Amino acid sequence: MNYVENISDGTQGKDPRKMTVQELNNLGHFKKSMVKIIKEMCNSCIGADPSGQRNIEVSRCQCIGCPLWPYRMGKNPFSTRGEMSDERKAEAAERLRNARLNRNL
C-alpha cells in the first residue's frame, strides 16, 4: 500500500486519520499515550538508547524552546491529576466512608 499521496506541488504523507489501525501497525506505529510518544521522540532526538537505558541524557536536555521539552521525562507537568486539596481529600474520605457503610447494610 502506498502511504504517500501526490498533491499539486509535490507529495505528502497519507493522513493517519484516514488510515486503518492495521495500516498504522504495518508501518510500526502502535497505540501509546502521548506522553510516551513524546518521551520516545526526545530519546530519539538526543540519540539515546530506545530501551531507555540512557534516560539520564533526556534529563540533561537544554532545548528549552522545544515544545516537547516539559514532557521529556515521560510525565505531563501540567496535569493536576493526583493533586487534591485538604478539602477534596476530606470529601473523598467521607464518600468512601459512606460507600463502605452502605455496602455493609
N, C-alpha and C. Protein backbone atom coordinates (compact mmCIF):
# COMPACT_ATOMS: atom_id res chain seq x y z
N MET A 1 0.86 -1.19 0.00
CA MET A 1 0.00 0.00 0.00
C MET A 1 0.89 1.24 0.00
N ASN A 2 0.46 2.24 -0.69
CA ASN A 2 1.22 3.49 -0.80
C ASN A 2 0.73 4.46 0.28
N TYR A 3 1.66 4.90 1.12
CA TYR A 3 1.30 5.82 2.20
C TYR A 3 1.73 7.25 1.91
N VAL A 4 2.12 7.48 0.64
CA VAL A 4 2.47 8.82 0.19
C VAL A 4 1.49 9.21 -0.90
N GLU A 5 0.97 10.42 -0.82
CA GLU A 5 -0.02 10.89 -1.79
C GLU A 5 0.58 12.00 -2.64
N ASN A 6 0.18 12.03 -3.89
CA ASN A 6 0.57 13.13 -4.78
C ASN A 6 -0.37 14.30 -4.54
N ILE A 7 0.20 15.48 -4.44
CA ILE A 7 -0.60 16.70 -4.34
C ILE A 7 -0.08 17.67 -5.41
N SER A 8 -0.75 18.79 -5.56
CA SER A 8 -0.44 19.70 -6.66
C SER A 8 1.02 20.16 -6.70
N ASP A 9 1.65 20.33 -5.54
CA ASP A 9 3.02 20.83 -5.54
C ASP A 9 4.04 19.81 -5.02
N GLY A 10 3.72 18.53 -5.14
CA GLY A 10 4.66 17.50 -4.71
C GLY A 10 3.95 16.30 -4.11
N THR A 11 4.46 15.82 -2.98
CA THR A 11 3.87 14.68 -2.30
C THR A 11 3.74 14.97 -0.82
N GLN A 12 2.93 14.19 -0.17
CA GLN A 12 2.77 14.30 1.28
C GLN A 12 2.40 12.94 1.83
N GLY A 13 2.67 12.75 3.12
CA GLY A 13 2.28 11.51 3.78
C GLY A 13 0.76 11.43 3.89
N LYS A 14 0.24 10.22 3.82
CA LYS A 14 -1.20 10.00 3.94
C LYS A 14 -1.69 10.47 5.30
N ASP A 15 -2.89 10.99 5.36
CA ASP A 15 -3.50 11.46 6.61
C ASP A 15 -3.77 10.26 7.51
N PRO A 16 -3.12 10.16 8.67
CA PRO A 16 -3.31 8.99 9.53
C PRO A 16 -4.75 8.85 10.04
N ARG A 17 -5.50 9.94 10.03
CA ARG A 17 -6.91 9.86 10.46
C ARG A 17 -7.75 9.09 9.46
N LYS A 18 -7.22 8.91 8.25
CA LYS A 18 -7.94 8.19 7.20
C LYS A 18 -7.37 6.80 6.98
N MET A 19 -6.50 6.36 7.89
CA MET A 19 -5.89 5.05 7.78
C MET A 19 -6.49 4.11 8.81
N THR A 20 -6.43 2.83 8.52
CA THR A 20 -6.91 1.83 9.49
C THR A 20 -5.82 1.60 10.53
N VAL A 21 -6.22 1.03 11.65
CA VAL A 21 -5.26 0.69 12.70
C VAL A 21 -4.25 -0.30 12.14
N GLN A 22 -4.70 -1.24 11.34
CA GLN A 22 -3.81 -2.23 10.75
C GLN A 22 -2.75 -1.58 9.86
N GLU A 23 -3.16 -0.59 9.06
CA GLU A 23 -2.19 0.13 8.22
C GLU A 23 -1.14 0.83 9.08
N LEU A 24 -1.58 1.46 10.16
CA LEU A 24 -0.64 2.14 11.05
C LEU A 24 0.30 1.13 11.70
N ASN A 25 -0.25 0.01 12.16
CA ASN A 25 0.57 -1.03 12.77
C ASN A 25 1.60 -1.57 11.78
N ASN A 26 1.20 -1.73 10.52
CA ASN A 26 2.12 -2.23 9.49
C ASN A 26 3.31 -1.29 9.31
N LEU A 27 3.11 -0.02 9.59
CA LEU A 27 4.18 0.96 9.47
C LEU A 27 5.02 1.05 10.75
N GLY A 28 4.65 0.26 11.77
CA GLY A 28 5.40 0.27 13.02
C GLY A 28 4.85 1.23 14.05
N HIS A 29 3.65 1.76 13.82
CA HIS A 29 3.02 2.68 14.76
C HIS A 29 1.94 1.93 15.55
N PHE A 30 2.05 1.99 16.87
CA PHE A 30 1.11 1.29 17.73
C PHE A 30 0.53 2.26 18.74
N LYS A 31 -0.61 1.93 19.31
CA LYS A 31 -1.29 2.81 20.27
C LYS A 31 -0.42 3.00 21.51
N LYS A 32 -0.16 4.26 21.82
CA LYS A 32 0.61 4.63 23.01
C LYS A 32 0.07 5.95 23.53
N SER A 33 0.36 6.23 24.78
CA SER A 33 -0.04 7.53 25.32
C SER A 33 0.82 8.61 24.68
N MET A 34 0.29 9.81 24.61
CA MET A 34 1.02 10.92 24.02
C MET A 34 2.31 11.19 24.79
N VAL A 35 2.28 11.06 26.09
CA VAL A 35 3.49 11.33 26.88
C VAL A 35 4.58 10.31 26.55
N LYS A 36 4.22 9.04 26.34
CA LYS A 36 5.21 8.04 25.96
C LYS A 36 5.78 8.34 24.58
N ILE A 37 4.93 8.78 23.68
CA ILE A 37 5.40 9.12 22.34
C ILE A 37 6.38 10.29 22.40
N ILE A 38 6.05 11.27 23.22
CA ILE A 38 6.94 12.44 23.37
C ILE A 38 8.27 12.01 23.96
N LYS A 39 8.23 11.16 24.97
CA LYS A 39 9.48 10.69 25.59
C LYS A 39 10.33 9.93 24.57
N GLU A 40 9.70 9.10 23.75
CA GLU A 40 10.43 8.38 22.71
C GLU A 40 11.06 9.35 21.71
N MET A 41 10.34 10.40 21.35
CA MET A 41 10.88 11.39 20.42
C MET A 41 12.08 12.10 21.04
N CYS A 42 11.99 12.44 22.31
CA CYS A 42 13.12 13.09 22.98
C CYS A 42 14.33 12.17 23.01
N ASN A 43 14.12 10.89 23.30
CA ASN A 43 15.23 9.93 23.29
C ASN A 43 15.85 9.84 21.90
N SER A 44 15.00 9.85 20.89
CA SER A 44 15.49 9.79 19.51
C SER A 44 16.28 11.05 19.16
N CYS A 45 15.80 12.20 19.57
CA CYS A 45 16.43 13.48 19.27
C CYS A 45 17.86 13.54 19.82
N ILE A 46 18.05 13.04 21.02
CA ILE A 46 19.38 13.11 21.63
C ILE A 46 20.22 11.88 21.36
N GLY A 47 19.66 10.92 20.62
CA GLY A 47 20.41 9.73 20.27
C GLY A 47 20.52 8.72 21.39
N ALA A 48 19.56 8.73 22.30
CA ALA A 48 19.59 7.80 23.44
C ALA A 48 19.17 6.40 23.01
N ASP A 49 19.50 5.45 23.83
CA ASP A 49 19.13 4.06 23.63
C ASP A 49 17.61 3.95 23.71
N PRO A 50 16.94 3.38 22.68
CA PRO A 50 15.48 3.26 22.70
C PRO A 50 14.94 2.45 23.88
N SER A 51 15.77 1.60 24.48
CA SER A 51 15.32 0.79 25.63
C SER A 51 15.18 1.63 26.89
N GLY A 52 15.66 2.89 26.83
CA GLY A 52 15.54 3.76 28.00
C GLY A 52 16.72 3.67 28.93
N GLN A 53 17.76 2.93 28.55
CA GLN A 53 18.93 2.77 29.41
C GLN A 53 19.68 4.07 29.65
N ARG A 54 19.51 5.04 28.73
CA ARG A 54 20.25 6.28 28.86
C ARG A 54 19.31 7.47 29.07
N ASN A 55 18.25 7.29 29.84
CA ASN A 55 17.31 8.38 30.07
C ASN A 55 17.94 9.57 30.78
N ILE A 56 19.07 9.36 31.41
CA ILE A 56 19.77 10.47 32.07
C ILE A 56 20.05 11.57 31.05
N GLU A 57 20.30 11.19 29.81
CA GLU A 57 20.56 12.17 28.76
C GLU A 57 19.35 13.06 28.52
N VAL A 58 18.17 12.48 28.55
CA VAL A 58 16.95 13.27 28.35
C VAL A 58 16.81 14.31 29.45
N SER A 59 17.17 13.95 30.65
CA SER A 59 17.06 14.91 31.76
C SER A 59 18.01 16.08 31.58
N ARG A 60 19.07 15.88 30.83
CA ARG A 60 20.05 16.95 30.60
C ARG A 60 19.71 17.83 29.41
N CYS A 61 18.66 17.53 28.71
CA CYS A 61 18.29 18.29 27.51
C CYS A 61 18.15 19.77 27.85
N GLN A 62 18.77 20.60 27.05
CA GLN A 62 18.74 22.05 27.27
C GLN A 62 17.97 22.78 26.17
N CYS A 63 17.26 22.05 25.33
CA CYS A 63 16.48 22.65 24.24
C CYS A 63 15.16 23.17 24.79
N ILE A 64 15.24 24.15 25.70
CA ILE A 64 14.05 24.61 26.41
C ILE A 64 13.03 25.27 25.50
N GLY A 65 13.41 25.63 24.29
CA GLY A 65 12.47 26.21 23.33
C GLY A 65 11.65 25.16 22.61
N CYS A 66 12.03 23.89 22.74
CA CYS A 66 11.30 22.80 22.09
C CYS A 66 9.95 22.63 22.77
N PRO A 67 8.87 22.52 22.00
CA PRO A 67 7.55 22.36 22.63
C PRO A 67 7.40 21.06 23.41
N LEU A 68 8.27 20.09 23.16
CA LEU A 68 8.20 18.81 23.88
C LEU A 68 9.02 18.81 25.16
N TRP A 69 9.87 19.82 25.37
CA TRP A 69 10.81 19.84 26.49
C TRP A 69 10.16 19.58 27.85
N PRO A 70 9.03 20.21 28.18
CA PRO A 70 8.45 19.97 29.51
C PRO A 70 7.99 18.52 29.72
N TYR A 71 7.76 17.79 28.63
CA TYR A 71 7.21 16.44 28.71
C TYR A 71 8.28 15.36 28.58
N ARG A 72 9.55 15.74 28.45
CA ARG A 72 10.62 14.81 28.10
C ARG A 72 10.85 13.72 29.13
N MET A 73 10.43 13.93 30.36
CA MET A 73 10.66 12.93 31.40
C MET A 73 9.56 11.87 31.47
N GLY A 74 8.60 11.96 30.55
CA GLY A 74 7.55 10.94 30.49
C GLY A 74 6.34 11.25 31.34
N LYS A 75 6.24 12.47 31.81
CA LYS A 75 5.09 12.90 32.62
C LYS A 75 4.61 14.25 32.11
N ASN A 76 3.33 14.52 32.31
CA ASN A 76 2.76 15.82 31.95
C ASN A 76 2.87 16.72 33.19
N PRO A 77 3.78 17.69 33.15
CA PRO A 77 3.97 18.53 34.34
C PRO A 77 2.80 19.47 34.61
N PHE A 78 1.89 19.59 33.67
CA PHE A 78 0.74 20.47 33.84
C PHE A 78 -0.48 19.73 34.37
N SER A 79 -0.39 18.41 34.49
CA SER A 79 -1.51 17.61 34.96
C SER A 79 -1.74 17.86 36.44
N THR A 80 -2.99 18.02 36.79
CA THR A 80 -3.35 18.20 38.20
C THR A 80 -3.95 16.92 38.77
N ARG A 81 -3.98 15.86 37.95
CA ARG A 81 -4.49 14.60 38.46
C ARG A 81 -3.60 14.13 39.59
N GLY A 82 -4.21 13.65 40.62
CA GLY A 82 -3.45 13.17 41.76
C GLY A 82 -3.21 14.23 42.82
N GLU A 83 -3.41 15.49 42.46
CA GLU A 83 -3.22 16.56 43.43
C GLU A 83 -4.59 16.94 43.99
N MET A 84 -4.73 16.83 45.30
CA MET A 84 -6.01 17.15 45.94
C MET A 84 -5.77 18.09 47.11
N SER A 85 -6.66 19.04 47.22
CA SER A 85 -6.59 19.94 48.37
C SER A 85 -7.04 19.16 49.61
N ASP A 86 -6.77 19.69 50.78
CA ASP A 86 -7.21 19.04 52.01
C ASP A 86 -8.72 18.90 52.03
N GLU A 87 -9.41 19.91 51.50
CA GLU A 87 -10.88 19.86 51.47
C GLU A 87 -11.36 18.72 50.57
N ARG A 88 -10.75 18.57 49.39
CA ARG A 88 -11.14 17.49 48.48
C ARG A 88 -10.80 16.13 49.07
N LYS A 89 -9.68 16.03 49.79
CA LYS A 89 -9.32 14.78 50.44
C LYS A 89 -10.36 14.40 51.49
N ALA A 90 -10.81 15.39 52.26
CA ALA A 90 -11.83 15.13 53.29
C ALA A 90 -13.15 14.70 52.65
N GLU A 91 -13.52 15.34 51.55
CA GLU A 91 -14.75 14.96 50.85
C GLU A 91 -14.66 13.54 50.30
N ALA A 92 -13.52 13.19 49.73
CA ALA A 92 -13.33 11.85 49.18
C ALA A 92 -13.36 10.81 50.30
N ALA A 93 -12.75 11.12 51.43
CA ALA A 93 -12.76 10.20 52.57
C ALA A 93 -14.18 9.99 53.07
N GLU A 94 -14.95 11.06 53.11
CA GLU A 94 -16.35 10.95 53.55
C GLU A 94 -17.16 10.09 52.58
N ARG A 95 -16.97 10.28 51.28
CA ARG A 95 -17.67 9.45 50.29
C ARG A 95 -17.29 7.98 50.44
N LEU A 96 -16.03 7.72 50.68
CA LEU A 96 -15.57 6.34 50.86
C LEU A 96 -16.18 5.73 52.11
N ARG A 97 -16.19 6.50 53.20
CA ARG A 97 -16.81 6.03 54.45
C ARG A 97 -18.28 5.68 54.21
N ASN A 98 -19.00 6.57 53.55
CA ASN A 98 -20.42 6.34 53.27
C ASN A 98 -20.63 5.12 52.38
N ALA A 99 -19.79 4.96 51.38
CA ALA A 99 -19.92 3.80 50.49
C ALA A 99 -19.69 2.50 51.26
N ARG A 100 -18.72 2.51 52.16
CA ARG A 100 -18.46 1.31 52.96
C ARG A 100 -19.61 1.00 53.90
N LEU A 101 -20.18 2.05 54.50
CA LEU A 101 -21.31 1.86 55.40
C LEU A 101 -22.52 1.30 54.63
N ASN A 102 -22.79 1.87 53.46
CA ASN A 102 -23.93 1.43 52.65
C ASN A 102 -23.74 0.00 52.15
N ARG A 103 -22.50 -0.38 51.88
CA ARG A 103 -22.22 -1.73 51.41
C ARG A 103 -22.49 -2.75 52.51
N ASN A 104 -22.27 -2.37 53.75
CA ASN A 104 -22.42 -3.32 54.88
C ASN A 104 -23.86 -3.39 55.39
N LEU A 105 -24.76 -2.62 54.83
CA LEU A 105 -26.16 -2.67 55.30
C LEU A 105 -26.89 -3.89 54.88
